[in-house]
Amino acid sequence: MKSEWQLLQEKLKDRFGEEPDMDALIFLIGLQELGKPFQKYKKDEKLGIMHVAICSLLEPFGFYVYEGKDADGWPHWKLNEELPPLDAKQQNRLIVDAIIDYFKREDFI
């Protein structure tokens, strides 16, 4: 039986023609949360978009609390709970679980 992660990867590959890597997936989630189309962004804007994704992904776990949007339409969160010290494998597992939960909430998987 395929894992939810494998099913998600297959659906994304069908949708985009290739399987996006983790950074691309986080960037796409950030764009979705911002409600902005894909276009050329500066490096600092890309990092901001990825930050939006990470906050959005970790909010359901209680790490961040949504505060609202600023005048430019960018969402903001405040840190609610410090993330525990995690090694690389644990960090990856947390983000994978958060991405799976995100796509479940969006009824994609």
PDB file of N, CA and C in Angstrom:
ATOM      1  N   MET A   1       0.840  -1.179   0.000  1.00  0.00           N
ATOM      2  CA  MET A   1       0.000   0.000   0.000  1.00  0.00           C
ATOM      3  C   MET A   1       0.889   1.247   0.000  1.00  0.00           C
ATOM      4  N   LYS A   2       0.528   2.208  -0.823  1.00  0.00           N
ATOM      5  CA  LYS A   2       1.307   3.430  -0.940  1.00  0.00           C
ATOM      6  C   LYS A   2       1.042   4.362   0.234  1.00  0.00           C
ATOM      7  N   SER A   3       2.084   5.064   0.632  1.00  0.00           N
ATOM      8  CA  SER A   3       1.930   6.039   1.705  1.00  0.00           C
ATOM      9  C   SER A   3       1.237   7.290   1.162  1.00  0.00           C
ATOM     10  N   GLU A   4       0.727   8.102   2.063  1.00  0.00           N
ATOM     11  CA  GLU A   4       0.088   9.356   1.643  1.00  0.00           C
ATOM     12  C   GLU A   4       1.097  10.261   0.945  1.00  0.00           C
ATOM     13  N   TRP A   5       2.337  10.239   1.383  1.00  0.00           N
ATOM     14  CA  TRP A   5       3.377  11.035   0.749  1.00  0.00           C
ATOM     15  C   TRP A   5       3.596  10.594  -0.694  1.00  0.00           C
ATOM     16  N   GLN A   6       3.636   9.277  -0.919  1.00  0.00           N
ATOM     17  CA  GLN A   6       3.810   8.758  -2.278  1.00  0.00           C
ATOM     18  C   GLN A   6       2.617   9.136  -3.158  1.00  0.00           C
ATOM     19  N   LEU A   7       1.414   9.041  -2.610  1.00  0.00           N
ATOM     20  CA  LEU A   7       0.218   9.432  -3.372  1.00  0.00           C
ATOM     21  C   LEU A   7       0.258  10.908  -3.725  1.00  0.00           C
ATOM     22  N   LEU A   8       0.659  11.738  -2.781  1.00  0.00           N
ATOM     23  CA  LEU A   8       0.757  13.170  -3.035  1.00  0.00           C
ATOM     24  C   LEU A   8       1.795  13.444  -4.122  1.00  0.00           C
ATOM     25  N   GLN A   9       2.942  12.809  -4.035  1.00  0.00           N
ATOM     26  CA  GLN A   9       3.985  13.003  -5.039  1.00  0.00           C
ATOM     27  C   GLN A   9       3.498  12.608  -6.435  1.00  0.00           C
ATOM     28  N   GLU A  10       2.758  11.514  -6.529  1.00  0.00           N
ATOM     29  CA  GLU A  10       2.217  11.084  -7.816  1.00  0.00           C
ATOM     30  C   GLU A  10       1.230  12.110  -8.367  1.00  0.00           C
ATOM     31  N   LYS A  11       0.351  12.620  -7.502  1.00  0.00           N
ATOM     32  CA  LYS A  11      -0.622  13.624  -7.950  1.00  0.00           C
ATOM     33  C   LYS A  11       0.072  14.903  -8.410  1.00  0.00           C
ATOM     34  N   LEU A  12       1.094  15.310  -7.688  1.00  0.00           N
ATOM     35  CA  LEU A  12       1.830  16.510  -8.072  1.00  0.00           C
ATOM     36  C   LEU A  12       2.574  16.301  -9.385  1.00  0.00           C
ATOM     37  N   LYS A  13       3.124  15.113  -9.563  1.00  0.00           N
ATOM     38  CA  LYS A  13       3.809  14.809 -10.815  1.00  0.00           C
ATOM     39  C   LYS A  13       2.824  14.840 -11.979  1.00  0.00           C
ATOM     40  N   ASP A  14       1.629  14.290 -11.777  1.00  0.00           N
ATOM     41  CA  ASP A  14       0.599  14.332 -12.820  1.00  0.00           C
ATOM     42  C   ASP A  14       0.212  15.775 -13.142  1.00  0.00           C
ATOM     43  N   ARG A  15       0.130  16.602 -12.118  1.00  0.00           N
ATOM     44  CA  ARG A  15      -0.313  17.989 -12.299  1.00  0.00           C
ATOM     45  C   ARG A  15       0.757  18.864 -12.941  1.00  0.00           C
ATOM     46  N   PHE A  16       2.028  18.680 -12.529  1.00  0.00           N
ATOM     47  CA  PHE A  16       3.091  19.562 -12.994  1.00  0.00           C
ATOM     48  C   PHE A  16       4.032  18.933 -14.018  1.00  0.00           C
ATOM     49  N   GLY A  17       3.862  17.653 -14.291  1.00  0.00           N
ATOM     50  CA  GLY A  17       4.709  16.995 -15.273  1.00  0.00           C
ATOM     51  C   GLY A  17       6.002  16.455 -14.703  1.00  0.00           C
ATOM     52  N   GLU A  18       6.323  16.855 -13.493  1.00  0.00           N
ATOM     53  CA  GLU A  18       7.492  16.324 -12.788  1.00  0.00           C
ATOM     54  C   GLU A  18       7.228  16.469 -11.298  1.00  0.00           C
ATOM     55  N   GLU A  19       7.956  15.701 -10.543  1.00  0.00           N
ATOM     56  CA  GLU A  19       7.786  15.733  -9.097  1.00  0.00           C
ATOM     57  C   GLU A  19       8.561  16.911  -8.514  1.00  0.00           C
ATOM     58  N   PRO A  20       7.875  17.871  -7.883  1.00  0.00           N
ATOM     59  CA  PRO A  20       8.604  19.011  -7.321  1.00  0.00           C
ATOM     60  C   PRO A  20       9.422  18.594  -6.102  1.00  0.00           C
ATOM     61  N   ASP A  21      10.611  19.206  -5.966  1.00  0.00           N
ATOM     62  CA  ASP A  21      11.401  18.921  -4.771  1.00  0.00           C
ATOM     63  C   ASP A  21      10.786  19.673  -3.593  1.00  0.00           C
ATOM     64  N   MET A  22      11.323  19.450  -2.410  1.00  0.00           N
ATOM     65  CA  MET A  22      10.746  20.013  -1.191  1.00  0.00           C
ATOM     66  C   MET A  22      10.699  21.541  -1.236  1.00  0.00           C
ATOM     67  N   ASP A  23      11.776  22.182  -1.691  1.00  0.00           N
ATOM     68  CA  ASP A  23      11.787  23.646  -1.761  1.00  0.00           C
ATOM     69  C   ASP A  23      10.731  24.167  -2.733  1.00  0.00           C
ATOM     70  N   ALA A  24      10.605  23.522  -3.879  1.00  0.00           N
ATOM     71  CA  ALA A  24       9.598  23.940  -4.856  1.00  0.00           C
ATOM     72  C   ALA A  24       8.199  23.762  -4.288  1.00  0.00           C
ATOM     73  N   LEU A  25       7.974  22.689  -3.579  1.00  0.00           N
ATOM     74  CA  LEU A  25       6.670  22.418  -2.983  1.00  0.00           C
ATOM     75  C   LEU A  25       6.333  23.468  -1.916  1.00  0.00           C
ATOM     76  N   ILE A  26       7.307  23.801  -1.086  1.00  0.00           N
ATOM     77  CA  ILE A  26       7.095  24.834  -0.069  1.00  0.00           C
ATOM     78  C   ILE A  26       6.825  26.182  -0.743  1.00  0.00           C
ATOM     79  N   PHE A  27       7.550  26.484  -1.809  1.00  0.00           N
ATOM     80  CA  PHE A  27       7.333  27.728  -2.544  1.00  0.00           C
ATOM     81  C   PHE A  27       5.918  27.774  -3.124  1.00  0.00           C
ATOM     82  N   LEU A  28       5.460  26.670  -3.712  1.00  0.00           N
ATOM     83  CA  LEU A  28       4.109  26.608  -4.271  1.00  0.00           C
ATOM     84  C   LEU A  28       3.039  26.807  -3.194  1.00  0.00           C
ATOM     85  N   ILE A  29       3.250  26.223  -2.034  1.00  0.00           N
ATOM     86  CA  ILE A  29       2.306  26.403  -0.923  1.00  0.00           C
ATOM     87  C   ILE A  29       2.284  27.873  -0.499  1.00  0.00           C
ATOM     88  N   GLY A  30       3.457  28.495  -0.444  1.00  0.00           N
ATOM     89  CA  GLY A  30       3.528  29.918  -0.103  1.00  0.00           C
ATOM     90  C   GLY A  30       2.778  30.779  -1.096  1.00  0.00           C
ATOM     91  N   LEU A  31       2.934  30.489  -2.383  1.00  0.00           N
ATOM     92  CA  LEU A  31       2.194  31.230  -3.407  1.00  0.00           C
ATOM     93  C   LEU A  31       0.689  31.045  -3.227  1.00  0.00           C
ATOM     94  N   GLN A  32       0.282  29.821  -2.937  1.00  0.00           N
ATOM     95  CA  GLN A  32      -1.137  29.522  -2.726  1.00  0.00           C
ATOM     96  C   GLN A  32      -1.678  30.319  -1.539  1.00  0.00           C
ATOM     97  N   GLU A  33      -0.915  30.344  -0.461  1.00  0.00           N
ATOM     98  CA  GLU A  33      -1.344  31.065   0.741  1.00  0.00           C
ATOM     99  C   GLU A  33      -1.382  32.570   0.521  1.00  0.00           C
ATOM    100  N   LEU A  34      -0.478  33.079  -0.301  1.00  0.00           N
ATOM    101  CA  LEU A  34      -0.469  34.509  -0.623  1.00  0.00           C
ATOM    102  C   LEU A  34      -1.572  34.881  -1.606  1.00  0.00           C
ATOM    103  N   GLY A  35      -1.995  33.885  -2.391  1.00  0.00           N
ATOM    104  CA  GLY A  35      -2.980  34.175  -3.431  1.00  0.00           C
ATOM    105  C   GLY A  35      -2.365  34.927  -4.598  1.00  0.00           C
ATOM    106  N   LYS A  36      -1.069  34.727  -4.792  1.00  0.00           N
ATOM    107  CA  LYS A  36      -0.371  35.408  -5.877  1.00  0.00           C
ATOM    108  C   LYS A  36       0.016  34.398  -6.954  1.00  0.00           C
ATOM    109  N   PRO A  37      -0.010  34.840  -8.201  1.00  0.00           N
ATOM    110  CA  PRO A  37       0.373  33.931  -9.296  1.00  0.00           C
ATOM    111  C   PRO A  37       1.877  33.730  -9.342  1.00  0.00           C
ATOM    112  N   PHE A  38       2.266  32.678 -10.037  1.00  0.00           N
ATOM    113  CA  PHE A  38       3.691  32.450 -10.233  1.00  0.00           C
ATOM    114  C   PHE A  38       4.208  33.511 -11.191  1.00  0.00           C
ATOM    115  N   GLN A  39       5.279  34.121 -10.819  1.00  0.00           N
ATOM    116  CA  GLN A  39       5.954  35.120 -11.650  1.00  0.00           C
ATOM    117  C   GLN A  39       7.401  35.173 -11.195  1.00  0.00           C
ATOM    118  N   LYS A  40       8.177  36.037 -11.786  1.00  0.00           N
ATOM    119  CA  LYS A  40       9.562  36.198 -11.341  1.00  0.00           C
ATOM    120  C   LYS A  40       9.558  36.957 -10.023  1.00  0.00           C
ATOM    121  N   TYR A  41      10.247  36.414  -9.044  1.00  0.00           N
ATOM    122  CA  TYR A  41      10.378  37.060  -7.747  1.00  0.00           C
ATOM    123  C   TYR A  41      11.855  37.224  -7.430  1.00  0.00           C
ATOM    124  N   LYS A  42      12.166  38.274  -6.680  1.00  0.00           N
ATOM    125  CA  LYS A  42      13.530  38.471  -6.204  1.00  0.00           C
ATOM    126  C   LYS A  42      13.816  37.441  -5.118  1.00  0.00           C
ATOM    127  N   LYS A  43      15.094  37.236  -4.839  1.00  0.00           N
ATOM    128  CA  LYS A  43      15.500  36.224  -3.858  1.00  0.00           C
ATOM    129  C   LYS A  43      14.846  36.459  -2.491  1.00  0.00           C
ATOM    130  N   ASP A  44      14.836  37.713  -2.027  1.00  0.00           N
ATOM    131  CA  ASP A  44      14.243  37.989  -0.717  1.00  0.00           C
ATOM    132  C   ASP A  44      12.732  37.761  -0.728  1.00  0.00           C
ATOM    133  N   GLU A  45      12.095  38.004  -1.862  1.00  0.00           N
ATOM    134  CA  GLU A  45      10.654  37.726  -1.972  1.00  0.00           C
ATOM    135  C   GLU A  45      10.393  36.225  -1.932  1.00  0.00           C
ATOM    136  N   LYS A  46      11.249  35.452  -2.592  1.00  0.00           N
ATOM    137  CA  LYS A  46      11.111  33.990  -2.572  1.00  0.00           C
ATOM    138  C   LYS A  46      11.249  33.460  -1.155  1.00  0.00           C
ATOM    139  N   LEU A  47      12.212  33.991  -0.416  1.00  0.00           N
ATOM    140  CA  LEU A  47      12.379  33.566   0.974  1.00  0.00           C
ATOM    141  C   LEU A  47      11.157  33.941   1.803  1.00  0.00           C
ATOM    142  N   GLY A  48      10.587  35.116   1.553  1.00  0.00           N
ATOM    143  CA  GLY A  48       9.369  35.531   2.239  1.00  0.00           C
ATOM    144  C   GLY A  48       8.202  34.620   1.922  1.00  0.00           C
ATOM    145  N   ILE A  49       8.085  34.220   0.673  1.00  0.00           N
ATOM    146  CA  ILE A  49       7.018  33.314   0.242  1.00  0.00           C
ATOM    147  C   ILE A  49       7.173  31.951   0.921  1.00  0.00           C
ATOM    148  N   MET A  50       8.409  31.487   1.021  1.00  0.00           N
ATOM    149  CA  MET A  50       8.656  30.210   1.688  1.00  0.00           C
ATOM    150  C   MET A  50       8.390  30.323   3.195  1.00  0.00           C
ATOM    151  N   HIS A  51       8.672  31.478   3.766  1.00  0.00           N
ATOM    152  CA  HIS A  51       8.370  31.699   5.185  1.00  0.00           C
ATOM    153  C   HIS A  51       6.854  31.643   5.422  1.00  0.00           C
ATOM    154  N   VAL A  52       6.097  32.241   4.512  1.00  0.00           N
ATOM    155  CA  VAL A  52       4.631  32.172   4.599  1.00  0.00           C
ATOM    156  C   VAL A  52       4.186  30.715   4.607  1.00  0.00           C
ATOM    157  N   ALA A  53       4.771  29.913   3.725  1.00  0.00           N
ATOM    158  CA  ALA A  53       4.410  28.495   3.655  1.00  0.00           C
ATOM    159  C   ALA A  53       4.741  27.774   4.954  1.00  0.00           C
ATOM    160  N   ILE A  54       5.931  27.986   5.478  1.00  0.00           N
ATOM    161  CA  ILE A  54       6.343  27.296   6.704  1.00  0.00           C
ATOM    162  C   ILE A  54       5.425  27.673   7.862  1.00  0.00           C
ATOM    163  N   CYS A  55       5.125  28.956   8.008  1.00  0.00           N
ATOM    164  CA  CYS A  55       4.218  29.379   9.086  1.00  0.00           C
ATOM    165  C   CYS A  55       2.839  28.755   8.906  1.00  0.00           C
ATOM    166  N   SER A  56       2.347  28.753   7.679  1.00  0.00           N
ATOM    167  CA  SER A  56       1.041  28.169   7.387  1.00  0.00           C
ATOM    168  C   SER A  56       1.031  26.665   7.661  1.00  0.00           C
ATOM    169  N   LEU A  57       2.120  25.993   7.289  1.00  0.00           N
ATOM    170  CA  LEU A  57       2.211  24.552   7.497  1.00  0.00           C
ATOM    171  C   LEU A  57       2.290  24.187   8.972  1.00  0.00           C
ATOM    172  N   LEU A  58       2.984  25.000   9.762  1.00  0.00           N
ATOM    173  CA  LEU A  58       3.200  24.669  11.165  1.00  0.00           C
ATOM    174  C   LEU A  58       2.140  25.253  12.104  1.00  0.00           C
ATOM    175  N   GLU A  59       1.273  26.116  11.575  1.00  0.00           N
ATOM    176  CA  GLU A  59       0.207  26.685  12.405  1.00  0.00           C
ATOM    177  C   GLU A  59      -0.699  25.611  13.020  1.00  0.00           C
ATOM    178  N   PRO A  60      -1.162  24.610  12.252  1.00  0.00           N
ATOM    179  CA  PRO A  60      -2.031  23.588  12.843  1.00  0.00           C
ATOM    180  C   PRO A  60      -1.364  22.771  13.966  1.00  0.00           C
ATOM    181  N   PHE A  61      -0.035  22.767  14.006  1.00  0.00           N
ATOM    182  CA  PHE A  61       0.695  22.058  15.051  1.00  0.00           C
ATOM    183  C   PHE A  61       0.863  22.919  16.300  1.00  0.00           C
ATOM    184  N   GLY A  62       0.387  24.170  16.240  1.00  0.00           N
ATOM    185  CA  GLY A  62       0.430  25.061  17.387  1.00  0.00           C
ATOM    186  C   GLY A  62       1.691  25.893  17.510  1.00  0.00           C
ATOM    187  N   PHE A  63       2.578  25.824  16.519  1.00  0.00           N
ATOM    188  CA  PHE A  63       3.827  26.577  16.612  1.00  0.00           C
ATOM    189  C   PHE A  63       3.648  28.057  16.270  1.00  0.00           C
ATOM    190  N   TYR A  64       2.687  28.377  15.410  1.00  0.00           N
ATOM    191  CA  TYR A  64       2.427  29.751  14.999  1.00  0.00           C
ATOM    192  C   TYR A  64       0.948  30.067  15.142  1.00  0.00           C
ATOM    193  N   VAL A  65       0.664  31.366  15.350  1.00  0.00           N
ATOM    194  CA  VAL A  65      -0.710  31.853  15.418  1.00  0.00           C
ATOM    195  C   VAL A  65      -0.848  32.948  14.360  1.00  0.00           C
ATOM    196  N   TYR A  66      -1.849  32.806  13.506  1.00  0.00           N
ATOM    197  CA  TYR A  66      -2.091  33.774  12.441  1.00  0.00           C
ATOM    198  C   TYR A  66      -2.544  35.097  13.043  1.00  0.00           C
ATOM    199  N   GLU A  67      -1.926  36.203  12.585  1.00  0.00           N
ATOM    200  CA  GLU A  67      -2.276  37.526  13.089  1.00  0.00           C
ATOM    201  C   GLU A  67      -3.077  38.351  12.101  1.00  0.00           C
ATOM    202  N   GLY A  68      -2.946  38.073  10.814  1.00  0.00           N
ATOM    203  CA  GLY A  68      -3.663  38.846   9.800  1.00  0.00           C
ATOM    204  C   GLY A  68      -2.722  39.268   8.686  1.00  0.00           C
ATOM    205  N   LYS A  69      -3.264  40.074   7.782  1.00  0.00           N
ATOM    206  CA  LYS A  69      -2.484  40.537   6.628  1.00  0.00           C
ATOM    207  C   LYS A  69      -2.085  41.987   6.816  1.00  0.00           C
ATOM    208  N   ASP A  70      -0.930  42.319   6.235  1.00  0.00           N
ATOM    209  CA  ASP A  70      -0.483  43.699   6.282  1.00  0.00           C
ATOM    210  C   ASP A  70      -1.104  44.476   5.116  1.00  0.00           C
ATOM    211  N   ALA A  71      -0.723  45.734   4.977  1.00  0.00           N
ATOM    212  CA  ALA A  71      -1.297  46.603   3.944  1.00  0.00           C
ATOM    213  C   ALA A  71      -1.014  46.095   2.530  1.00  0.00           C
ATOM    214  N   ASP A  72       0.067  45.320   2.367  1.00  0.00           N
ATOM    215  CA  ASP A  72       0.410  44.781   1.049  1.00  0.00           C
ATOM    216  C   ASP A  72      -0.207  43.410   0.794  1.00  0.00           C
ATOM    217  N   GLY A  73      -0.994  42.926   1.741  1.00  0.00           N
ATOM    218  CA  GLY A  73      -1.660  41.638   1.566  1.00  0.00           C
ATOM    219  C   GLY A  73      -0.844  40.431   2.001  1.00  0.00           C
ATOM    220  N   TRP A  74       0.294  40.655   2.656  1.00  0.00           N
ATOM    221  CA  TRP A  74       1.124  39.547   3.123  1.00  0.00           C
ATOM    222  C   TRP A  74       0.631  39.089   4.483  1.00  0.00           C
ATOM    223  N   PRO A  75       0.406  37.784   4.659  1.00  0.00           N
ATOM    224  CA  PRO A  75      -0.033  37.268   5.959  1.00  0.00           C
ATOM    225  C   PRO A  75       1.122  37.249   6.960  1.00  0.00           C
ATOM    226  N   HIS A  76       0.750  37.393   8.225  1.00  0.00           N
ATOM    227  CA  HIS A  76       1.752  37.376   9.294  1.00  0.00           C
ATOM    228  C   HIS A  76       1.290  36.463  10.420  1.00  0.00           C
ATOM    229  N   TRP A  77       2.267  35.798  11.024  1.00  0.00           N
ATOM    230  CA  TRP A  77       2.041  34.922  12.162  1.00  0.00           C
ATOM    231  C   TRP A  77       2.964  35.353  13.285  1.00  0.00           C
ATOM    232  N   LYS A  78       2.599  34.999  14.498  1.00  0.00           N
ATOM    233  CA  LYS A  78       3.535  35.171  15.611  1.00  0.00           C
ATOM    234  C   LYS A  78       3.881  33.778  16.123  1.00  0.00           C
ATOM    235  N   LEU A  79       5.089  33.661  16.613  1.00  0.00           N
ATOM    236  CA  LEU A  79       5.548  32.392  17.157  1.00  0.00           C
ATOM    237  C   LEU A  79       4.787  32.128  18.447  1.00  0.00           C
ATOM    238  N   ASN A  80       4.139  31.006  18.521  1.00  0.00           N
ATOM    239  CA  ASN A  80       3.347  30.628  19.684  1.00  0.00           C
ATOM    240  C   ASN A  80       4.122  29.693  20.601  1.00  0.00           C
ATOM    241  N   GLU A  81       4.901  28.826  19.989  1.00  0.00           N
ATOM    242  CA  GLU A  81       5.653  27.826  20.745  1.00  0.00           C
ATOM    243  C   GLU A  81       6.943  27.536  19.997  1.00  0.00           C
ATOM    244  N   GLU A  82       8.047  27.569  20.713  1.00  0.00           N
ATOM    245  CA  GLU A  82       9.340  27.262  20.092  1.00  0.00           C
ATOM    246  C   GLU A  82       9.335  25.834  19.570  1.00  0.00           C
ATOM    247  N   LEU A  83       9.904  25.661  18.403  1.00  0.00           N
ATOM    248  CA  LEU A  83      10.070  24.311  17.881  1.00  0.00           C
ATOM    249  C   LEU A  83      11.101  23.595  18.735  1.00  0.00           C
ATOM    250  N   PRO A  84      10.875  22.332  19.028  1.00  0.00           N
ATOM    251  CA  PRO A  84      11.877  21.583  19.799  1.00  0.00           C
ATOM    252  C   PRO A  84      13.128  21.362  18.947  1.00  0.00           C
ATOM    253  N   PRO A  85      14.257  21.104  19.593  1.00  0.00           N
ATOM    254  CA  PRO A  85      15.463  20.790  18.816  1.00  0.00           C
ATOM    255  C   PRO A  85      15.233  19.501  18.017  1.00  0.00           C
ATOM    256  N   LEU A  86      15.400  19.593  16.721  1.00  0.00           N
ATOM    257  CA  LEU A  86      15.178  18.445  15.841  1.00  0.00           C
ATOM    258  C   LEU A  86      16.396  18.243  14.965  1.00  0.00           C
ATOM    259  N   ASP A  87      16.733  16.976  14.727  1.00  0.00           N
ATOM    260  CA  ASP A  87      17.796  16.711  13.761  1.00  0.00           C
ATOM    261  C   ASP A  87      17.199  16.795  12.356  1.00  0.00           C
ATOM    262  N   ALA A  88      18.027  16.685  11.343  1.00  0.00           N
ATOM    263  CA  ALA A  88      17.577  16.858   9.961  1.00  0.00           C
ATOM    264  C   ALA A  88      16.453  15.881   9.594  1.00  0.00           C
ATOM    265  N   LYS A  89      16.577  14.648  10.023  1.00  0.00           N
ATOM    266  CA  LYS A  89      15.566  13.637   9.711  1.00  0.00           C
ATOM    267  C   LYS A  89      14.226  13.987  10.374  1.00  0.00           C
ATOM    268  N   GLN A  90      14.277  14.437  11.616  1.00  0.00           N
ATOM    269  CA  GLN A  90      13.053  14.817  12.331  1.00  0.00           C
ATOM    270  C   GLN A  90      12.420  16.069  11.710  1.00  0.00           C
ATOM    271  N   GLN A  91      13.256  17.036  11.298  1.00  0.00           N
ATOM    272  CA  GLN A  91      12.738  18.230  10.630  1.00  0.00           C
ATOM    273  C   GLN A  91      12.019  17.851   9.341  1.00  0.00           C
ATOM    274  N   ASN A  92      12.654  16.973   8.573  1.00  0.00           N
ATOM    275  CA  ASN A  92      12.052  16.533   7.317  1.00  0.00           C
ATOM    276  C   ASN A  92      10.725  15.834   7.568  1.00  0.00           C
ATOM    277  N   ARG A  93      10.656  14.983   8.575  1.00  0.00           N
ATOM    278  CA  ARG A  93       9.416  14.260   8.907  1.00  0.00           C
ATOM    279  C   ARG A  93       8.307  15.232   9.303  1.00  0.00           C
ATOM    280  N   LEU A  94       8.658  16.249  10.100  1.00  0.00           N
ATOM    281  CA  LEU A  94       7.674  17.247  10.505  1.00  0.00           C
ATOM    282  C   LEU A  94       7.119  17.992   9.300  1.00  0.00           C
ATOM    283  N   ILE A  95       7.994  18.418   8.392  1.00  0.00           N
ATOM    284  CA  ILE A  95       7.540  19.157   7.211  1.00  0.00           C
ATOM    285  C   ILE A  95       6.729  18.258   6.289  1.00  0.00           C
ATOM    286  N   VAL A  96       7.158  17.018   6.089  1.00  0.00           N
ATOM    287  CA  VAL A  96       6.395  16.080   5.260  1.00  0.00           C
ATOM    288  C   VAL A  96       4.996  15.877   5.848  1.00  0.00           C
ATOM    289  N   ASP A  97       4.919  15.649   7.160  1.00  0.00           N
ATOM    290  CA  ASP A  97       3.610  15.482   7.807  1.00  0.00           C
ATOM    291  C   ASP A  97       2.753  16.735   7.645  1.00  0.00           C
ATOM    292  N   ALA A  98       3.374  17.911   7.795  1.00  0.00           N
ATOM    293  CA  ALA A  98       2.635  19.170   7.662  1.00  0.00           C
ATOM    294  C   ALA A  98       2.135  19.362   6.224  1.00  0.00           C
ATOM    295  N   ILE A  99       2.951  18.990   5.240  1.00  0.00           N
ATOM    296  CA  ILE A  99       2.542  19.115   3.833  1.00  0.00           C
ATOM    297  C   ILE A  99       1.389  18.154   3.532  1.00  0.00           C
ATOM    298  N   ILE A 100       1.480  16.949   4.031  1.00  0.00           N
ATOM    299  CA  ILE A 100       0.386  15.989   3.841  1.00  0.00           C
ATOM    300  C   ILE A 100      -0.896  16.538   4.455  1.00  0.00           C
ATOM    301  N   ASP A 101      -0.826  17.050   5.680  1.00  0.00           N
ATOM    302  CA  ASP A 101      -2.000  17.641   6.331  1.00  0.00           C
ATOM    303  C   ASP A 101      -2.547  18.807   5.524  1.00  0.00           C
ATOM    304  N   TYR A 102      -1.660  19.639   4.984  1.00  0.00           N
ATOM    305  CA  TYR A 102      -2.076  20.792   4.188  1.00  0.00           C
ATOM    306  C   TYR A 102      -2.883  20.344   2.978  1.00  0.00           C
ATOM    307  N   PHE A 103      -2.369  19.366   2.245  1.00  0.00           N
ATOM    308  CA  PHE A 103      -3.055  18.919   1.041  1.00  0.00           C
ATOM    309  C   PHE A 103      -4.329  18.147   1.360  1.00  0.00           C
ATOM    310  N   LYS A 104      -4.387  17.536   2.529  1.00  0.00           N
ATOM    311  CA  LYS A 104      -5.636  16.909   2.963  1.00  0.00           C
ATOM    312  C   LYS A 104      -6.698  17.984   3.212  1.00  0.00           C
ATOM    313  N   ARG A 105      -6.291  19.089   3.875  1.00  0.00           N
ATOM    314  CA  ARG A 105      -7.240  20.183   4.136  1.00  0.00           C
ATOM    315  C   ARG A 105      -7.728  20.808   2.836  1.00  0.00           C
ATOM    316  N   GLU A 106      -6.893  20.764   1.811  1.00  0.00           N
ATOM    317  CA  GLU A 106      -7.257  21.314   0.511  1.00  0.00           C
ATOM    318  C   GLU A 106      -7.987  20.276  -0.364  1.00  0.00           C
ATOM    319  N   ASP A 107      -8.267  19.096   0.220  1.00  0.00           N
ATOM    320  CA  ASP A 107      -8.934  17.986  -0.483  1.00  0.00           C
ATOM    321  C   ASP A 107      -8.196  17.563  -1.747  1.00  0.00           C
ATOM    322  N   PHE A 108      -6.867  17.655  -1.722  1.00  0.00           N
ATOM    323  CA  PHE A 108      -6.054  17.234  -2.857  1.00  0.00           C
ATOM    324  C   PHE A 108      -5.692  15.763  -2.743  1.00  0.00           C
ATOM    325  N   ILE A 109      -5.593  15.278  -1.504  1.00  0.00           N
ATOM    326  CA  ILE A 109      -5.346  13.845  -1.286  1.00  0.00           C
ATOM    327  C   ILE A 109      -6.343  13.336  -0.278  1.00  0.00           C
TER     328      ILE A 109
END
